Amino acid sequence: MSLFDRRSVSAGLIGSALASSVQAKAGGVVPGAETWSESVMVLYFDDALRNGFSLRLSRYPERNETWVWVHVLLDGELYAYTERKVPCSTDKVTAEAPVGLYPVPGLDVRMTRNGPSTAMTALSFTAVVKAHRGKSGVDGPGETPVVLEGVFRPGPLRDGSPKGRFERTGMFEASLRAGGKQAFVSGLGKAHEQTQTAPRFDTPFTYAMCWGPEASMIGLLSPKRGYGDVEIGGRDTPMEAFKIEAWAPTRRFAAALKGGGQVTGQAETLYRSSVPIFGRQWQGRIVRAEVESHRMVGMINDWRPEEQPYGI
């Protein structure tokens, strides 16, 4: 089945799901309040960091709110669309379901997981939006039509993640269109799913996710905890702790590994973006990184950096 055949099948499944669901009546996410929520994300960049994308959906079925983040990098130009006031159906996407449908009512944006989260076989995605070119930090449509569609085929689940979170690297096939340009991309990238009732964006954090042909790394730093894992040469090792410097054009990081040992590295920022959340700005950086001489690409994101225990 081709990429576009899979997209048609996914669209039909989602249409059926929406027809059988009703829209939630509660109004909006309350900062710090517990509620059921789901997040799903795909992330890919080519080795030259000229083309790539990030698509994230966060659903709050009990609060009638969906957050949509679309970032497309095409021929070195970054396009951004974010919106936090999209309606949400009452359907809940669970990790155990044989198919996970992530619809976005009113927008041509959707993601579909095949298989339960522990044994996912594919994650297809589509986003057709009007984005801001070379600008971020503002919700709502921009001037430039952007089309992103593709499929992710996962590798093994990663160790070191908290309960309810499913992290993987794997292979992407995707097409990007924006600003009169088009690219077809394929290669290694990252995806995750997570469900929880705890408040999101309630705690400061720095989240690093980088990958390459021989190694990959996920690391999280917050005031009360740090976790992650590093995979080198097919061996996946959880972290005991992760530390990173405050943002700079190039920042260093280090991780202590379970069972002993340490890895160190550094990341250079090539592109920056921001997303408004609860009156603040989430900061995202697309980076070129090196971990123990292994070259990688990825992102490092900071939320409430003024409260972070930076330093190595």
Protein backbone atom coordinates (compact mmCIF):
# COMPACT_ATOMS: atom_id res chain seq x y z
CA MET A 1 0.00 0.00 0.00
CA SER A 2 1.44 3.40 -0.97
CA LEU A 3 1.83 6.38 1.32
CA PHE A 4 -1.23 8.06 -0.20
CA ASP A 5 -3.32 4.87 -0.10
CA ARG A 6 -2.56 4.65 3.63
CA ARG A 7 -3.62 8.27 4.04
CA SER A 8 -6.98 7.56 2.38
CA VAL A 9 -7.60 4.57 4.64
CA SER A 10 -6.72 6.65 7.70
CA ALA A 11 -9.05 9.44 6.60
CA GLY A 12 -11.93 6.99 6.26
CA LEU A 13 -11.31 5.51 9.71
CA ILE A 14 -11.15 8.96 11.28
CA GLY A 15 -14.32 10.08 9.54
CA SER A 16 -16.16 7.07 10.99
CA ALA A 17 -14.79 7.80 14.46
CA LEU A 18 -15.87 11.43 14.34
CA ALA A 19 -19.34 10.50 13.16
CA SER A 20 -19.83 8.29 16.21
CA SER A 21 -18.44 10.76 18.74
CA VAL A 22 -19.83 13.89 20.31
CA GLN A 23 -17.96 17.06 21.05
CA ALA A 24 -16.99 17.74 24.65
CA LYS A 25 -18.84 20.58 26.36
CA ALA A 26 -16.24 21.65 28.95
CA GLY A 27 -14.31 24.74 28.03
CA GLY A 28 -10.54 24.90 27.88
CA VAL A 29 -7.48 23.56 29.65
CA VAL A 30 -6.96 24.96 33.16
CA PRO A 31 -3.27 25.41 34.07
CA GLY A 32 -2.29 23.06 36.89
CA ALA A 33 -5.56 21.09 36.85
CA GLU A 34 -5.66 17.33 36.40
CA THR A 35 -7.48 16.01 33.34
CA TRP A 36 -7.12 13.17 30.86
CA SER A 37 -4.81 14.17 28.01
CA GLU A 38 -3.00 12.58 25.09
CA SER A 39 -0.02 13.71 23.08
CA VAL A 40 1.39 12.26 19.88
CA MET A 41 4.36 13.62 17.97
CA VAL A 42 6.51 12.88 14.92
CA LEU A 43 9.87 14.52 14.30
CA TYR A 44 12.29 14.26 11.38
CA PHE A 45 15.20 16.26 9.90
CA ASP A 46 17.62 15.35 7.15
CA ASP A 47 21.36 15.19 7.85
CA ALA A 48 21.96 18.60 6.26
CA LEU A 49 19.18 20.20 8.38
CA ARG A 50 17.61 21.71 5.27
CA ASN A 51 14.34 19.74 5.30
CA GLY A 52 12.25 18.22 8.03
CA PHE A 53 9.19 18.60 10.21
CA SER A 54 7.67 18.40 13.65
CA LEU A 55 3.97 17.63 14.13
CA ARG A 56 2.46 17.42 17.61
CA LEU A 57 -1.15 16.97 18.70
CA SER A 58 -2.28 17.25 22.31
CA ARG A 59 -5.89 16.25 22.97
CA TYR A 60 -7.92 17.13 26.08
CA PRO A 61 -11.24 15.27 25.58
CA GLU A 62 -12.70 16.34 28.94
CA ARG A 63 -11.88 20.02 28.30
CA ASN A 64 -12.95 20.27 24.62
CA GLU A 65 -9.53 21.46 23.52
CA THR A 66 -6.91 20.24 21.04
CA TRP A 67 -3.46 21.77 20.70
CA VAL A 68 -1.93 21.62 17.23
CA TRP A 69 1.74 22.34 16.49
CA VAL A 70 2.99 22.12 12.91
CA HIS A 71 6.56 23.07 12.01
CA VAL A 72 7.93 22.39 8.53
CA LEU A 73 11.52 23.03 7.44
CA LEU A 74 11.75 23.18 3.65
CA ASP A 75 14.91 24.18 1.78
CA GLY A 76 16.19 25.98 4.88
CA GLU A 77 12.97 27.98 5.51
CA LEU A 78 10.98 27.33 8.69
CA TYR A 79 7.15 27.49 8.59
CA ALA A 80 5.07 27.42 11.80
CA TYR A 81 1.42 26.93 12.63
CA THR A 82 0.18 26.55 16.21
CA GLU A 83 -3.30 26.69 17.72
CA ARG A 84 -4.52 25.79 21.22
CA LYS A 85 -8.25 26.48 20.91
CA VAL A 86 -9.31 23.74 18.49
CA PRO A 87 -12.34 21.68 19.66
CA CYS A 88 -11.91 18.09 20.81
CA SER A 89 -14.23 15.08 20.63
CA THR A 90 -14.95 13.11 23.80
CA ASP A 91 -13.29 9.94 22.48
CA LYS A 92 -10.18 8.93 24.44
CA VAL A 93 -7.19 7.39 22.67
CA THR A 94 -5.77 4.63 24.86
CA ALA A 95 -2.47 2.82 24.51
CA GLU A 96 -4.25 -0.55 24.42
CA ALA A 97 -6.54 0.21 21.47
CA PRO A 98 -5.69 -1.72 18.28
CA VAL A 99 -6.01 1.52 16.31
CA GLY A 100 -5.34 4.99 17.72
CA LEU A 101 -7.22 7.76 15.91
CA TYR A 102 -6.09 11.32 16.68
CA PRO A 103 -8.57 13.60 14.87
CA VAL A 104 -8.63 17.42 14.90
CA PRO A 105 -12.22 18.69 14.40
CA GLY A 106 -12.41 21.58 11.95
CA LEU A 107 -8.84 21.22 10.63
CA ASP A 108 -7.33 19.00 7.95
CA VAL A 109 -4.90 17.55 10.49
CA ARG A 110 -4.87 13.99 11.79
CA MET A 111 -2.66 11.15 12.96
CA THR A 112 -3.42 7.41 13.04
CA ARG A 113 -1.57 4.69 14.95
CA ASN A 114 -1.79 1.11 13.69
CA GLY A 115 -1.52 -1.42 16.52
CA PRO A 116 -1.45 -0.81 20.28
CA SER A 117 1.22 1.57 21.55
CA THR A 118 3.41 -1.26 22.81
CA ALA A 119 3.38 -2.95 19.38
CA MET A 120 2.77 -0.10 16.94
CA THR A 121 3.42 -1.01 13.32
CA ALA A 122 2.93 2.42 11.70
CA LEU A 123 1.93 6.00 12.48
CA SER A 124 0.49 7.98 9.55
CA PHE A 125 -0.02 11.74 9.60
CA THR A 126 -1.42 14.61 7.56
CA ALA A 127 -1.44 18.38 8.15
CA VAL A 128 -2.81 20.96 5.70
CA VAL A 129 -2.60 24.43 7.25
CA LYS A 130 -1.69 28.05 6.54
CA ALA A 131 1.55 28.74 8.36
CA HIS A 132 3.77 31.68 9.27
CA ARG A 133 6.98 31.80 7.24
CA GLY A 134 10.06 32.63 9.28
CA LYS A 135 7.95 33.58 12.28
CA SER A 136 6.63 31.76 15.35
CA GLY A 137 5.29 32.47 18.82
CA VAL A 138 1.80 33.47 17.65
CA ASP A 139 -1.21 31.15 17.49
CA GLY A 140 -3.45 31.10 14.43
CA PRO A 141 -3.05 30.82 10.67
CA GLY A 142 -0.40 32.54 8.61
CA GLU A 143 -0.16 33.42 4.93
CA THR A 144 1.60 30.37 3.47
CA PRO A 145 -0.20 27.10 2.61
CA VAL A 146 1.71 24.12 3.98
CA VAL A 147 1.04 20.44 3.31
CA LEU A 148 2.71 17.66 5.29
CA GLU A 149 1.87 13.99 4.92
CA GLY A 150 3.73 10.80 5.64
CA VAL A 151 4.16 7.62 7.59
CA PHE A 152 6.47 6.51 10.41
CA ARG A 153 7.60 2.90 10.80
CA PRO A 154 8.89 2.35 14.32
CA GLY A 155 11.91 0.64 15.75
CA PRO A 156 11.95 -0.87 19.27
CA LEU A 157 10.55 0.97 22.28
CA ARG A 158 13.10 3.01 24.20
CA ASP A 159 14.07 2.28 27.80
CA GLY A 160 14.16 4.97 30.46
CA SER A 161 10.83 6.69 29.74
CA PRO A 162 8.13 7.18 32.41
CA LYS A 163 5.01 5.04 32.60
CA GLY A 164 2.50 5.87 29.87
CA ARG A 165 5.09 7.30 27.47
CA PHE A 166 6.17 5.41 24.36
CA GLU A 167 9.35 6.66 22.65
CA ARG A 168 10.82 5.29 19.44
CA THR A 169 13.18 6.07 16.63
CA GLY A 170 12.25 4.65 13.24
CA MET A 171 12.02 5.33 9.53
CA PHE A 172 9.97 8.05 7.85
CA GLU A 173 8.61 8.60 4.37
CA ALA A 174 7.01 12.03 3.92
CA SER A 175 6.23 14.80 1.46
CA LEU A 176 6.47 18.52 2.27
CA ARG A 177 5.00 21.45 0.35
CA ALA A 178 5.31 25.12 1.25
CA GLY A 179 6.20 28.43 -0.35
CA GLY A 180 5.96 27.04 -3.88
CA LYS A 181 8.50 24.30 -3.09
CA GLN A 182 8.18 20.56 -2.56
CA ALA A 183 10.38 17.84 -1.13
CA PHE A 184 10.09 14.11 -0.59
CA VAL A 185 12.10 12.93 2.39
CA SER A 186 12.91 9.62 4.00
CA GLY A 187 15.14 8.50 6.79
CA LEU A 188 15.56 8.12 10.52
CA GLY A 189 13.49 10.18 12.97
CA LYS A 190 11.53 10.01 16.21
CA ALA A 191 7.96 9.58 17.43
CA HIS A 192 6.27 9.41 20.80
CA GLU A 193 2.86 8.93 22.39
CA GLN A 194 1.86 9.71 25.95
CA THR A 195 -1.36 9.65 27.99
CA GLN A 196 -1.71 11.09 31.48
CA THR A 197 -4.05 12.81 33.93
CA ALA A 198 -1.34 14.94 35.55
CA PRO A 199 -1.20 18.56 34.32
CA ARG A 200 0.99 19.21 31.28
CA PHE A 201 3.46 22.11 31.25
CA ASP A 202 3.14 22.33 35.03
CA THR A 203 6.87 21.86 35.68
CA PRO A 204 9.94 23.47 34.08
CA PHE A 205 11.85 21.15 31.75
CA THR A 206 14.50 20.85 29.09
CA TYR A 207 13.97 17.99 26.67
CA ALA A 208 16.69 16.84 24.28
CA MET A 209 16.01 14.33 21.48
CA CYS A 210 18.75 13.62 18.95
CA TRP A 211 19.46 10.76 16.58
CA GLY A 212 21.87 9.61 13.90
CA PRO A 213 22.78 6.49 11.92
CA GLU A 214 24.85 4.95 14.73
CA ALA A 215 23.45 6.47 17.93
CA SER A 216 20.51 8.31 19.47
CA MET A 217 19.71 10.03 22.74
CA ILE A 218 16.73 11.26 24.75
CA GLY A 219 17.34 13.33 27.86
CA LEU A 220 15.07 15.33 30.18
CA LEU A 221 16.10 17.78 32.90
CA SER A 222 13.68 19.31 35.41
CA PRO A 223 14.12 20.64 38.95
CA LYS A 224 12.97 17.39 40.57
CA ARG A 225 14.14 14.72 38.14
CA GLY A 226 16.13 13.79 35.08
CA TYR A 227 15.80 10.74 32.90
CA GLY A 228 16.38 9.41 29.41
CA ASP A 229 18.49 6.90 27.58
CA VAL A 230 21.26 6.69 25.06
CA GLU A 231 21.60 4.11 22.31
CA ILE A 232 24.99 3.48 20.74
CA GLY A 233 25.71 0.63 18.38
CA GLY A 234 22.36 -1.03 19.06
CA ARG A 235 22.77 -1.01 22.85
CA ASP A 236 20.09 0.99 24.72
CA THR A 237 21.14 2.21 28.20
CA PRO A 238 18.86 4.19 30.57
CA MET A 239 20.20 7.33 32.25
CA GLU A 240 20.50 7.87 35.99
CA ALA A 241 20.72 11.64 35.47
CA PHE A 242 20.86 14.19 32.66
CA LYS A 243 22.47 17.63 32.88
CA ILE A 244 22.71 20.42 30.32
CA GLU A 245 23.94 24.00 30.14
CA ALA A 246 21.63 26.99 29.74
CA TRP A 247 20.82 27.89 26.16
CA ALA A 248 23.64 29.27 24.06
CA PRO A 249 24.38 28.93 20.32
CA THR A 250 26.32 25.82 21.34
CA ARG A 251 25.49 24.10 24.65
CA ARG A 252 27.06 21.09 26.35
CA PHE A 253 25.34 18.21 28.13
CA ALA A 254 26.26 15.07 30.10
CA ALA A 255 24.44 11.96 31.28
CA ALA A 256 25.21 9.45 34.01
CA LEU A 257 24.18 5.94 32.90
CA LYS A 258 22.59 3.20 34.95
CA GLY A 259 25.16 0.57 35.76
CA GLY A 260 27.95 3.12 35.62
CA GLY A 261 29.55 5.20 32.93
CA GLN A 262 28.86 8.60 31.41
CA VAL A 263 28.31 10.13 28.00
CA THR A 264 28.94 13.75 27.04
CA GLY A 265 28.13 15.86 24.03
CA GLN A 266 27.23 19.25 22.64
CA ALA A 267 24.56 20.72 20.38
CA GLU A 268 24.63 23.67 17.99
CA THR A 269 21.37 25.54 17.30
CA LEU A 270 20.55 26.14 13.62
CA TYR A 271 16.88 27.21 13.86
CA ARG A 272 14.70 28.57 16.67
CA SER A 273 10.94 28.66 17.21
CA SER A 274 8.54 29.39 20.04
CA VAL A 275 4.97 28.46 21.01
CA PRO A 276 2.68 30.46 23.33
CA ILE A 277 1.48 28.45 26.34
CA PHE A 278 -0.31 29.87 29.39
CA GLY A 279 1.08 33.36 28.84
CA ARG A 280 4.66 32.17 28.36
CA GLN A 281 6.76 31.01 25.40
CA TRP A 282 7.95 27.43 24.95
CA GLN A 283 11.32 27.54 23.18
CA GLY A 284 12.28 24.98 20.54
CA ARG A 285 15.68 24.65 18.87
CA ILE A 286 16.59 22.48 15.90
CA VAL A 287 20.14 21.32 16.51
CA ARG A 288 23.14 19.53 15.11
CA ALA A 289 24.66 17.47 17.93
CA GLU A 290 27.60 15.24 18.69
CA VAL A 291 27.53 12.57 21.42
CA GLU A 292 30.75 10.68 22.08
CA SER A 293 31.91 11.48 18.51
CA HIS A 294 28.59 10.29 17.01
CA ARG A 295 26.92 12.95 14.85
CA MET A 296 23.19 13.53 15.27
CA VAL A 297 20.36 15.92 14.44
CA GLY A 298 17.29 16.72 16.54
CA MET A 299 15.69 19.24 18.87
CA ILE A 300 16.27 20.64 22.34
CA ASN A 301 13.24 22.32 23.92
CA ASP A 302 13.09 24.56 27.00
CA TRP A 303 10.07 25.43 29.13
CA ARG A 304 10.38 27.99 31.96
CA PRO A 305 14.18 28.06 31.65
CA GLU A 306 14.56 30.67 34.39
CA GLU A 307 13.60 27.93 36.91
CA GLN A 308 15.91 25.22 35.57
CA PRO A 309 18.98 23.84 37.42
CA TYR A 310 21.29 24.21 34.40
CA GLY A 311 24.96 23.31 34.43
CA ILE A 312 27.20 20.29 34.06
